[in-house]
Amino acid sequence: HKTVCEVLTSDSFVRAGVSGALLKIGKQPVVGDFVVLLDQPELGSRMIVNILPRKSCLSRGAPGDGSEEQVIAANLDTIFIVTSAGKDLNLRRLERYLTIVYSSGAKPVILLNKIDLADDPALMTEKIKSITGDVPVITLSALSKEGLDALSPYLKPDETAALIGSSGVGKSTLINALFDKA
């Protein structure tokens, strides 16, 4: 929320402002950051006064003409690159996503979603593996929940995962399926 953040503490979520000193030097917390929180209950004030070093950082070029970086999320362990069987399967796009994930410092895992719509999911998986090397490729159908168990090794307590992928590949359906399964 620009200068107000929701911070998860050991026992609850709290709202905290971002200190002017951080904003002045261009440091803005993002999802996944670990922060130093100055809590002054007598004043009814909570302020983020520092951002701890990030172990990984998912970013992209900032919008506009500048060459600045826009940080999207921090401290991710795994980034799932979601693509779907059929028209959306684009190997060049997967290579671009892999480049983004590798530069973030997180581990990539490719999810081939909507396999229930594919004539030959094994052939599609082989095409993907031909360009991705040792990156795990998991086939699944978020809608029917087929293959969701294969995600278990990557969804561990105290680890953070994110989904990236084109519009319409089933990211929201996958999240809903995972929460429904829990």
N, C-alpha and C. Protein backbone atom coordinates (compact mmCIF):
# COMPACT_ATOMS: atom_id res chain seq x y z
N HIS A 1 0.84 -1.20 0.00
CA HIS A 1 0.00 0.00 0.00
C HIS A 1 0.88 1.25 0.00
N LYS A 2 1.89 1.28 -0.82
CA LYS A 2 2.83 2.40 -0.94
C LYS A 2 3.60 2.62 0.37
N THR A 3 3.08 3.43 1.29
CA THR A 3 3.83 3.74 2.50
C THR A 3 3.28 3.05 3.74
N VAL A 4 2.30 2.16 3.58
CA VAL A 4 1.78 1.37 4.69
C VAL A 4 1.83 -0.10 4.28
N CYS A 5 2.35 -0.93 5.19
CA CYS A 5 2.50 -2.35 4.91
C CYS A 5 1.78 -3.19 5.95
N GLU A 6 1.40 -4.38 5.56
CA GLU A 6 0.92 -5.38 6.51
C GLU A 6 2.12 -6.25 6.84
N VAL A 7 2.42 -6.35 8.14
CA VAL A 7 3.59 -7.08 8.59
C VAL A 7 3.14 -8.25 9.44
N LEU A 8 3.62 -9.43 9.13
CA LEU A 8 3.34 -10.62 9.91
C LEU A 8 4.35 -10.68 11.04
N THR A 9 3.86 -10.62 12.28
CA THR A 9 4.73 -10.76 13.45
C THR A 9 4.56 -12.18 13.98
N SER A 10 5.17 -12.47 15.11
CA SER A 10 5.08 -13.82 15.65
C SER A 10 3.67 -14.21 16.05
N ASP A 11 2.79 -13.23 16.28
CA ASP A 11 1.44 -13.60 16.73
C ASP A 11 0.29 -12.96 15.97
N SER A 12 0.57 -12.06 15.02
CA SER A 12 -0.53 -11.45 14.29
C SER A 12 -0.02 -10.65 13.08
N PHE A 13 -0.98 -10.10 12.34
CA PHE A 13 -0.67 -9.14 11.29
C PHE A 13 -0.85 -7.75 11.88
N VAL A 14 0.07 -6.85 11.58
CA VAL A 14 -0.07 -5.46 12.02
C VAL A 14 0.19 -4.56 10.83
N ARG A 15 -0.37 -3.37 10.88
CA ARG A 15 -0.11 -2.36 9.84
C ARG A 15 1.02 -1.47 10.34
N ALA A 16 1.93 -1.16 9.43
CA ALA A 16 3.07 -0.33 9.80
C ALA A 16 3.41 0.60 8.65
N GLY A 17 3.79 1.81 9.01
CA GLY A 17 4.26 2.75 8.01
C GLY A 17 5.71 2.47 7.65
N VAL A 18 6.16 3.05 6.55
CA VAL A 18 7.55 2.94 6.13
C VAL A 18 8.22 4.26 6.50
N SER A 19 9.36 4.18 7.18
CA SER A 19 10.02 5.40 7.64
C SER A 19 10.41 6.29 6.48
N GLY A 20 10.38 7.56 6.72
CA GLY A 20 10.79 8.53 5.72
C GLY A 20 12.24 8.35 5.31
N ALA A 21 13.07 7.93 6.26
CA ALA A 21 14.49 7.72 5.96
C ALA A 21 14.66 6.61 4.92
N LEU A 22 13.88 5.52 5.03
CA LEU A 22 13.95 4.45 4.04
C LEU A 22 13.48 4.94 2.68
N LEU A 23 12.36 5.66 2.69
CA LEU A 23 11.82 6.16 1.42
C LEU A 23 12.79 7.13 0.76
N LYS A 24 13.47 7.92 1.57
CA LYS A 24 14.40 8.92 1.04
C LYS A 24 15.56 8.27 0.29
N ILE A 25 16.01 7.11 0.79
CA ILE A 25 17.11 6.42 0.12
C ILE A 25 16.62 5.41 -0.92
N GLY A 26 15.31 5.40 -1.15
CA GLY A 26 14.73 4.56 -2.20
C GLY A 26 14.52 3.11 -1.82
N LYS A 27 14.50 2.82 -0.53
CA LYS A 27 14.26 1.44 -0.09
C LYS A 27 12.79 1.29 0.26
N GLN A 28 12.15 0.35 -0.42
CA GLN A 28 10.73 0.09 -0.20
C GLN A 28 10.57 -1.39 0.06
N PRO A 29 9.94 -1.78 1.18
CA PRO A 29 9.73 -3.20 1.41
C PRO A 29 8.76 -3.79 0.39
N VAL A 30 8.96 -5.07 0.08
CA VAL A 30 8.08 -5.80 -0.84
C VAL A 30 7.62 -7.08 -0.15
N VAL A 31 6.69 -7.77 -0.78
CA VAL A 31 6.21 -9.04 -0.25
C VAL A 31 7.40 -9.97 -0.03
N GLY A 32 7.48 -10.56 1.14
CA GLY A 32 8.54 -11.50 1.47
C GLY A 32 9.71 -10.91 2.20
N ASP A 33 9.80 -9.60 2.29
CA ASP A 33 10.91 -8.99 3.01
C ASP A 33 10.81 -9.24 4.50
N PHE A 34 11.97 -9.37 5.13
CA PHE A 34 12.06 -9.38 6.59
C PHE A 34 12.49 -7.97 6.97
N VAL A 35 11.77 -7.39 7.92
CA VAL A 35 11.99 -5.98 8.24
C VAL A 35 12.24 -5.79 9.73
N VAL A 36 12.83 -4.64 10.05
CA VAL A 36 12.98 -4.21 11.44
C VAL A 36 11.80 -3.28 11.71
N LEU A 37 11.04 -3.63 12.73
CA LEU A 37 9.81 -2.90 13.05
C LEU A 37 10.00 -2.15 14.36
N LEU A 38 9.84 -0.84 14.33
CA LEU A 38 9.86 -0.03 15.53
C LEU A 38 8.42 0.07 16.03
N ASP A 39 8.16 -0.58 17.16
CA ASP A 39 6.81 -0.63 17.72
C ASP A 39 6.75 0.30 18.93
N GLN A 40 5.90 1.30 18.83
CA GLN A 40 5.72 2.25 19.93
C GLN A 40 4.25 2.25 20.35
N PRO A 41 3.86 1.25 21.16
CA PRO A 41 2.44 1.12 21.52
C PRO A 41 1.90 2.34 22.28
N GLU A 42 2.76 2.99 23.05
CA GLU A 42 2.30 4.16 23.80
C GLU A 42 1.89 5.31 22.88
N LEU A 43 2.44 5.31 21.67
CA LEU A 43 2.07 6.32 20.68
C LEU A 43 1.09 5.78 19.64
N GLY A 44 0.81 4.49 19.72
CA GLY A 44 -0.04 3.86 18.71
C GLY A 44 0.61 3.85 17.35
N SER A 45 1.94 3.65 17.34
CA SER A 45 2.70 3.78 16.11
C SER A 45 3.57 2.55 15.87
N ARG A 46 3.61 2.11 14.63
CA ARG A 46 4.53 1.06 14.18
C ARG A 46 5.17 1.55 12.89
N MET A 47 6.49 1.40 12.82
CA MET A 47 7.20 1.93 11.67
C MET A 47 8.28 0.94 11.22
N ILE A 48 8.34 0.67 9.92
CA ILE A 48 9.41 -0.14 9.35
C ILE A 48 10.61 0.78 9.20
N VAL A 49 11.70 0.41 9.90
CA VAL A 49 12.88 1.28 9.91
C VAL A 49 14.06 0.69 9.14
N ASN A 50 13.96 -0.61 8.77
CA ASN A 50 15.03 -1.20 7.98
C ASN A 50 14.52 -2.47 7.30
N ILE A 51 15.18 -2.82 6.23
CA ILE A 51 14.88 -4.05 5.49
C ILE A 51 16.13 -4.93 5.59
N LEU A 52 15.95 -6.16 6.07
CA LEU A 52 17.09 -7.07 6.21
C LEU A 52 17.54 -7.55 4.83
N PRO A 53 18.78 -8.01 4.72
CA PRO A 53 19.28 -8.47 3.41
C PRO A 53 18.40 -9.59 2.84
N ARG A 54 18.23 -9.53 1.53
CA ARG A 54 17.37 -10.49 0.82
C ARG A 54 18.21 -11.65 0.33
N LYS A 55 17.68 -12.89 0.49
CA LYS A 55 18.38 -14.06 -0.04
C LYS A 55 18.03 -14.30 -1.51
N SER A 56 16.89 -13.79 -1.95
CA SER A 56 16.51 -13.85 -3.36
C SER A 56 15.60 -12.66 -3.63
N CYS A 57 15.51 -12.31 -4.90
CA CYS A 57 14.76 -11.10 -5.25
C CYS A 57 14.20 -11.24 -6.66
N LEU A 58 12.88 -11.36 -6.76
CA LEU A 58 12.21 -11.43 -8.06
C LEU A 58 11.91 -10.00 -8.50
N SER A 59 12.43 -9.64 -9.67
CA SER A 59 12.25 -8.27 -10.13
C SER A 59 12.04 -8.23 -11.63
N ARG A 60 11.66 -7.04 -12.09
CA ARG A 60 11.49 -6.80 -13.52
C ARG A 60 11.87 -5.35 -13.77
N GLY A 61 11.96 -4.99 -15.04
CA GLY A 61 12.22 -3.60 -15.37
C GLY A 61 11.03 -2.75 -14.97
N ALA A 62 11.30 -1.59 -14.40
CA ALA A 62 10.22 -0.70 -13.99
C ALA A 62 9.50 -0.16 -15.23
N PRO A 63 8.20 0.10 -15.11
CA PRO A 63 7.48 0.65 -16.26
C PRO A 63 8.00 2.03 -16.63
N GLY A 64 7.86 2.38 -17.88
CA GLY A 64 8.30 3.69 -18.33
C GLY A 64 9.60 3.60 -19.09
N ASP A 65 10.21 4.76 -19.29
CA ASP A 65 11.42 4.86 -20.11
C ASP A 65 12.70 4.55 -19.35
N GLY A 66 12.65 4.63 -18.02
CA GLY A 66 13.87 4.43 -17.22
C GLY A 66 14.35 3.00 -17.26
N SER A 67 15.57 2.81 -16.79
CA SER A 67 16.14 1.46 -16.76
C SER A 67 16.18 0.93 -15.32
N GLU A 68 15.30 1.44 -14.49
CA GLU A 68 15.28 1.03 -13.09
C GLU A 68 14.64 -0.35 -12.94
N GLU A 69 14.93 -0.96 -11.79
CA GLU A 69 14.41 -2.27 -11.46
C GLU A 69 13.21 -2.12 -10.54
N GLN A 70 12.18 -2.93 -10.77
CA GLN A 70 11.02 -2.96 -9.89
C GLN A 70 11.02 -4.32 -9.20
N VAL A 71 11.24 -4.29 -7.87
CA VAL A 71 11.26 -5.53 -7.10
C VAL A 71 9.81 -5.95 -6.86
N ILE A 72 9.53 -7.21 -7.12
CA ILE A 72 8.17 -7.74 -6.99
C ILE A 72 8.02 -8.52 -5.69
N ALA A 73 8.99 -9.37 -5.37
CA ALA A 73 8.94 -10.19 -4.16
C ALA A 73 10.36 -10.56 -3.75
N ALA A 74 10.52 -10.86 -2.47
CA ALA A 74 11.84 -11.18 -1.93
C ALA A 74 11.80 -12.47 -1.13
N ASN A 75 12.96 -13.05 -0.96
CA ASN A 75 13.16 -14.22 -0.09
C ASN A 75 12.33 -15.43 -0.52
N LEU A 76 12.22 -15.63 -1.82
CA LEU A 76 11.52 -16.78 -2.36
C LEU A 76 12.47 -17.97 -2.44
N ASP A 77 11.98 -19.15 -2.10
CA ASP A 77 12.78 -20.36 -2.22
C ASP A 77 12.55 -21.02 -3.58
N THR A 78 11.29 -21.08 -3.98
CA THR A 78 10.91 -21.75 -5.23
C THR A 78 9.98 -20.83 -6.02
N ILE A 79 10.18 -20.78 -7.31
CA ILE A 79 9.25 -20.07 -8.19
C ILE A 79 8.74 -21.08 -9.20
N PHE A 80 7.43 -21.29 -9.18
CA PHE A 80 6.78 -22.17 -10.13
C PHE A 80 6.48 -21.37 -11.39
N ILE A 81 6.99 -21.84 -12.51
CA ILE A 81 6.68 -21.25 -13.80
C ILE A 81 5.52 -22.06 -14.37
N VAL A 82 4.35 -21.45 -14.45
CA VAL A 82 3.16 -22.17 -14.88
C VAL A 82 2.91 -21.89 -16.36
N THR A 83 2.75 -22.96 -17.11
CA THR A 83 2.34 -22.87 -18.50
C THR A 83 1.22 -23.88 -18.69
N SER A 84 0.54 -23.80 -19.79
CA SER A 84 -0.55 -24.75 -19.99
C SER A 84 -0.34 -25.53 -21.28
N ALA A 85 -0.88 -26.74 -21.26
CA ALA A 85 -0.83 -27.57 -22.46
C ALA A 85 -1.68 -26.90 -23.53
N GLY A 86 -1.22 -26.97 -24.75
CA GLY A 86 -1.98 -26.38 -25.84
C GLY A 86 -1.30 -25.15 -26.39
N LYS A 87 -2.11 -24.19 -26.79
CA LYS A 87 -1.62 -23.00 -27.48
C LYS A 87 -0.63 -22.17 -26.68
N ASP A 88 -0.78 -22.16 -25.34
CA ASP A 88 0.10 -21.31 -24.54
C ASP A 88 1.52 -21.85 -24.45
N LEU A 89 1.73 -23.12 -24.71
CA LEU A 89 3.08 -23.68 -24.57
C LEU A 89 4.01 -23.04 -25.58
N ASN A 90 4.94 -22.23 -25.07
CA ASN A 90 5.86 -21.49 -25.90
C ASN A 90 7.24 -21.64 -25.28
N LEU A 91 8.11 -22.37 -25.93
CA LEU A 91 9.42 -22.67 -25.35
C LEU A 91 10.28 -21.42 -25.18
N ARG A 92 10.19 -20.48 -26.08
CA ARG A 92 10.97 -19.24 -25.95
C ARG A 92 10.51 -18.45 -24.72
N ARG A 93 9.21 -18.43 -24.48
CA ARG A 93 8.68 -17.74 -23.29
C ARG A 93 9.18 -18.44 -22.03
N LEU A 94 9.17 -19.78 -22.04
CA LEU A 94 9.69 -20.52 -20.89
C LEU A 94 11.16 -20.18 -20.63
N GLU A 95 11.94 -20.05 -21.68
CA GLU A 95 13.35 -19.66 -21.51
C GLU A 95 13.46 -18.29 -20.86
N ARG A 96 12.60 -17.35 -21.26
CA ARG A 96 12.63 -16.01 -20.64
C ARG A 96 12.26 -16.09 -19.16
N TYR A 97 11.22 -16.86 -18.85
CA TYR A 97 10.84 -17.02 -17.44
C TYR A 97 11.97 -17.67 -16.65
N LEU A 98 12.62 -18.68 -17.21
CA LEU A 98 13.74 -19.32 -16.52
C LEU A 98 14.86 -18.32 -16.24
N THR A 99 15.14 -17.45 -17.18
CA THR A 99 16.16 -16.43 -16.98
C THR A 99 15.80 -15.53 -15.81
N ILE A 100 14.54 -15.13 -15.74
CA ILE A 100 14.07 -14.29 -14.63
C ILE A 100 14.23 -15.02 -13.30
N VAL A 101 13.83 -16.29 -13.27
CA VAL A 101 13.91 -17.05 -12.01
C VAL A 101 15.35 -17.27 -11.60
N TYR A 102 16.21 -17.66 -12.54
CA TYR A 102 17.61 -17.86 -12.19
C TYR A 102 18.24 -16.57 -11.67
N SER A 103 17.91 -15.45 -12.28
CA SER A 103 18.50 -14.19 -11.82
C SER A 103 17.96 -13.77 -10.46
N SER A 104 16.82 -14.32 -10.05
CA SER A 104 16.25 -13.99 -8.74
C SER A 104 16.99 -14.68 -7.59
N GLY A 105 17.60 -15.83 -7.87
CA GLY A 105 18.24 -16.61 -6.82
C GLY A 105 17.35 -17.72 -6.28
N ALA A 106 16.14 -17.83 -6.76
CA ALA A 106 15.22 -18.89 -6.33
C ALA A 106 15.38 -20.11 -7.24
N LYS A 107 14.80 -21.24 -6.82
CA LYS A 107 14.83 -22.47 -7.63
C LYS A 107 13.61 -22.50 -8.54
N PRO A 108 13.80 -22.76 -9.84
CA PRO A 108 12.65 -22.87 -10.74
C PRO A 108 12.08 -24.28 -10.77
N VAL A 109 10.76 -24.35 -10.91
CA VAL A 109 10.05 -25.60 -11.18
C VAL A 109 9.00 -25.26 -12.22
N ILE A 110 8.94 -26.04 -13.29
CA ILE A 110 7.97 -25.78 -14.35
C ILE A 110 6.74 -26.65 -14.13
N LEU A 111 5.58 -26.01 -14.18
CA LEU A 111 4.31 -26.71 -14.04
C LEU A 111 3.58 -26.67 -15.37
N LEU A 112 3.37 -27.82 -15.97
CA LEU A 112 2.59 -27.92 -17.19
C LEU A 112 1.16 -28.23 -16.78
N ASN A 113 0.34 -27.21 -16.77
CA ASN A 113 -1.05 -27.31 -16.30
C ASN A 113 -1.98 -27.65 -17.47
N LYS A 114 -3.17 -28.04 -17.12
CA LYS A 114 -4.24 -28.36 -18.09
C LYS A 114 -3.89 -29.57 -18.94
N ILE A 115 -3.22 -30.56 -18.33
CA ILE A 115 -2.84 -31.75 -19.11
C ILE A 115 -4.05 -32.55 -19.54
N ASP A 116 -5.17 -32.32 -18.88
CA ASP A 116 -6.40 -33.01 -19.30
C ASP A 116 -6.84 -32.57 -20.69
N LEU A 117 -6.30 -31.46 -21.18
CA LEU A 117 -6.63 -30.95 -22.52
C LEU A 117 -5.61 -31.37 -23.58
N ALA A 118 -4.53 -32.05 -23.15
CA ALA A 118 -3.45 -32.39 -24.09
C ALA A 118 -3.64 -33.78 -24.67
N ASP A 119 -3.29 -33.91 -25.93
CA ASP A 119 -3.33 -35.23 -26.57
C ASP A 119 -2.18 -36.11 -26.08
N ASP A 120 -0.99 -35.49 -25.91
CA ASP A 120 0.18 -36.26 -25.51
C ASP A 120 1.02 -35.45 -24.52
N PRO A 121 0.64 -35.48 -23.23
CA PRO A 121 1.40 -34.71 -22.22
C PRO A 121 2.87 -35.12 -22.14
N ALA A 122 3.18 -36.39 -22.36
CA ALA A 122 4.57 -36.85 -22.29
C ALA A 122 5.42 -36.18 -23.37
N LEU A 123 4.87 -36.02 -24.57
CA LEU A 123 5.60 -35.36 -25.66
C LEU A 123 5.84 -33.89 -25.31
N MET A 124 4.83 -33.23 -24.74
CA MET A 124 4.99 -31.83 -24.34
C MET A 124 6.06 -31.70 -23.25
N THR A 125 6.07 -32.63 -22.31
CA THR A 125 7.07 -32.62 -21.25
C THR A 125 8.47 -32.79 -21.83
N GLU A 126 8.63 -33.68 -22.78
CA GLU A 126 9.94 -33.88 -23.41
C GLU A 126 10.40 -32.62 -24.15
N LYS A 127 9.48 -31.93 -24.82
CA LYS A 127 9.83 -30.67 -25.49
C LYS A 127 10.35 -29.66 -24.47
N ILE A 128 9.66 -29.56 -23.35
CA ILE A 128 10.07 -28.62 -22.31
C ILE A 128 11.45 -29.01 -21.76
N LYS A 129 11.63 -30.29 -21.46
CA LYS A 129 12.90 -30.75 -20.90
C LYS A 129 14.06 -30.56 -21.87
N SER A 130 13.77 -30.50 -23.17
CA SER A 130 14.84 -30.31 -24.15
C SER A 130 15.50 -28.95 -24.01
N ILE A 131 14.83 -27.98 -23.39
CA ILE A 131 15.42 -26.65 -23.23
C ILE A 131 15.71 -26.29 -21.78
N THR A 132 15.22 -27.10 -20.82
CA THR A 132 15.32 -26.69 -19.42
C THR A 132 16.36 -27.45 -18.62
N GLY A 133 16.97 -28.47 -19.18
CA GLY A 133 18.00 -29.20 -18.45
C GLY A 133 17.43 -29.93 -17.25
N ASP A 134 18.02 -29.69 -16.08
CA ASP A 134 17.65 -30.40 -14.86
C ASP A 134 16.47 -29.77 -14.10
N VAL A 135 15.85 -28.76 -14.66
CA VAL A 135 14.72 -28.12 -13.98
C VAL A 135 13.56 -29.11 -13.92
N PRO A 136 13.00 -29.34 -12.72
CA PRO A 136 11.86 -30.26 -12.64
C PRO A 136 10.67 -29.76 -13.46
N VAL A 137 10.02 -30.68 -14.16
CA VAL A 137 8.81 -30.39 -14.92
C VAL A 137 7.72 -31.29 -14.36
N ILE A 138 6.65 -30.67 -13.87
CA ILE A 138 5.55 -31.41 -13.27
C ILE A 138 4.30 -31.19 -14.11
N THR A 139 3.66 -32.30 -14.50
CA THR A 139 2.40 -32.20 -15.24
C THR A 139 1.25 -32.33 -14.26
N LEU A 140 0.24 -31.50 -14.47
CA LEU A 140 -0.91 -31.51 -13.57
C LEU A 140 -2.13 -30.90 -14.23
N SER A 141 -3.24 -31.08 -13.55
CA SER A 141 -4.47 -30.39 -13.93
C SER A 141 -5.03 -29.76 -12.65
N ALA A 142 -4.90 -28.46 -12.53
CA ALA A 142 -5.40 -27.77 -11.34
C ALA A 142 -6.91 -27.93 -11.21
N LEU A 143 -7.60 -27.97 -12.34
CA LEU A 143 -9.06 -28.07 -12.31
C LEU A 143 -9.52 -29.41 -11.74
N SER A 144 -8.91 -30.50 -12.18
CA SER A 144 -9.30 -31.82 -11.67
C SER A 144 -8.47 -32.25 -10.46
N LYS A 145 -7.47 -31.45 -10.12
CA LYS A 145 -6.55 -31.71 -9.00
C LYS A 145 -5.61 -32.90 -9.26
N GLU A 146 -5.52 -33.33 -10.49
CA GLU A 146 -4.61 -34.41 -10.87
C GLU A 146 -3.17 -33.90 -10.83
N GLY A 147 -2.30 -34.63 -10.14
CA GLY A 147 -0.87 -34.28 -10.11
C GLY A 147 -0.46 -33.30 -9.02
N LEU A 148 -1.40 -32.82 -8.21
CA LEU A 148 -1.05 -31.84 -7.17
C LEU A 148 -0.10 -32.40 -6.13
N ASP A 149 -0.17 -33.70 -5.87
CA ASP A 149 0.71 -34.31 -4.88
C ASP A 149 2.18 -34.15 -5.25
N ALA A 150 2.48 -34.04 -6.51
CA ALA A 150 3.87 -33.89 -6.96
C ALA A 150 4.47 -32.56 -6.52
N LEU A 151 3.64 -31.62 -6.08
CA LEU A 151 4.14 -30.32 -5.61
C LEU A 151 4.63 -30.38 -4.16
N SER A 152 4.26 -31.41 -3.43
CA SER A 152 4.57 -31.51 -1.99
C SER A 152 6.03 -31.26 -1.65
N PRO A 153 7.00 -31.81 -2.39
CA PRO A 153 8.40 -31.57 -2.02
C PRO A 153 8.81 -30.09 -2.08
N TYR A 154 8.04 -29.28 -2.78
CA TYR A 154 8.38 -27.87 -2.96
C TYR A 154 7.55 -26.95 -2.07
N LEU A 155 6.58 -27.50 -1.38
CA LEU A 155 5.69 -26.71 -0.52
C LEU A 155 5.92 -27.13 0.92
N LYS A 156 7.04 -26.68 1.48
CA LYS A 156 7.44 -27.07 2.82
C LYS A 156 7.20 -25.92 3.80
N PRO A 157 6.97 -26.27 5.07
CA PRO A 157 6.88 -25.21 6.09
C PRO A 157 8.20 -24.40 6.09
N ASP A 158 8.09 -23.15 6.38
CA ASP A 158 9.25 -22.24 6.46
C ASP A 158 9.93 -22.01 5.12
N GLU A 159 9.28 -22.35 4.02
CA GLU A 159 9.78 -22.01 2.70
C GLU A 159 8.70 -21.23 1.96
N THR A 160 9.13 -20.41 1.03
CA THR A 160 8.20 -19.54 0.32
C THR A 160 8.26 -19.83 -1.17
N ALA A 161 7.08 -19.94 -1.76
CA ALA A 161 6.99 -20.21 -3.20
C ALA A 161 6.10 -19.15 -3.85
N ALA A 162 6.33 -18.95 -5.13
CA ALA A 162 5.52 -18.01 -5.92
C ALA A 162 5.20 -18.66 -7.25
N LEU A 163 4.16 -18.15 -7.90
CA LEU A 163 3.77 -18.60 -9.23
C LEU A 163 3.96 -17.46 -10.22
N ILE A 164 4.54 -17.76 -11.37
CA ILE A 164 4.57 -16.80 -12.46
C ILE A 164 4.10 -17.52 -13.72
N GLY A 165 3.60 -16.75 -14.65
CA GLY A 165 3.14 -17.33 -15.92
C GLY A 165 2.19 -16.39 -16.61
N SER A 166 1.92 -16.70 -17.84
CA SER A 166 1.04 -15.87 -18.66
C SER A 166 -0.39 -15.90 -18.13
N SER A 167 -1.15 -14.94 -18.56
CA SER A 167 -2.57 -14.89 -18.21
C SER A 167 -3.28 -16.10 -18.80
N GLY A 168 -4.14 -16.73 -18.01
CA GLY A 168 -4.95 -17.82 -18.50
C GLY A 168 -4.35 -19.21 -18.39
N VAL A 169 -3.17 -19.34 -17.77
CA VAL A 169 -2.55 -20.66 -17.68
C VAL A 169 -3.04 -21.46 -16.47
N GLY A 170 -3.81 -20.83 -15.59
CA GLY A 170 -4.39 -21.56 -14.47
C GLY A 170 -3.74 -21.30 -13.12
N LYS A 171 -3.05 -20.16 -12.98
CA LYS A 171 -2.40 -19.85 -11.69
C LYS A 171 -3.42 -19.73 -10.56
N SER A 172 -4.49 -18.99 -10.79
CA SER A 172 -5.52 -18.82 -9.75
C SER A 172 -6.22 -20.13 -9.45
N THR A 173 -6.51 -20.91 -10.48
CA THR A 173 -7.15 -22.21 -10.28
C THR A 173 -6.23 -23.12 -9.47
N LEU A 174 -4.93 -23.05 -9.73
CA LEU A 174 -3.98 -23.86 -8.98
C LEU A 174 -3.94 -23.45 -7.51
N ILE A 175 -3.90 -22.16 -7.24
CA ILE A 175 -3.90 -21.69 -5.86
C ILE A 175 -5.18 -22.15 -5.15
N ASN A 176 -6.30 -22.00 -5.81
CA ASN A 176 -7.57 -22.44 -5.21
C ASN A 176 -7.57 -23.94 -4.95
N ALA A 177 -7.01 -24.72 -5.87
CA ALA A 177 -6.96 -26.16 -5.70
C ALA A 177 -6.06 -26.54 -4.52
N LEU A 178 -4.95 -25.84 -4.38
CA LEU A 178 -4.04 -26.13 -3.26
C LEU A 178 -4.67 -25.79 -1.92
N PHE A 179 -5.37 -24.67 -1.85
CA PHE A 179 -6.03 -24.31 -0.59
C PHE A 179 -7.21 -25.23 -0.29
N ASP A 180 -7.88 -25.68 -1.32
CA ASP A 180 -8.99 -26.61 -1.12
C ASP A 180 -8.49 -27.95 -0.62
N LYS A 181 -7.29 -28.32 -1.05
CA LYS A 181 -6.68 -29.60 -0.68
C LYS A 181 -6.19 -29.58 0.76
N ALA A 182 -5.79 -28.41 1.25
CA ALA A 182 -5.18 -28.31 2.58
C ALA A 182 -6.17 -28.61 3.69
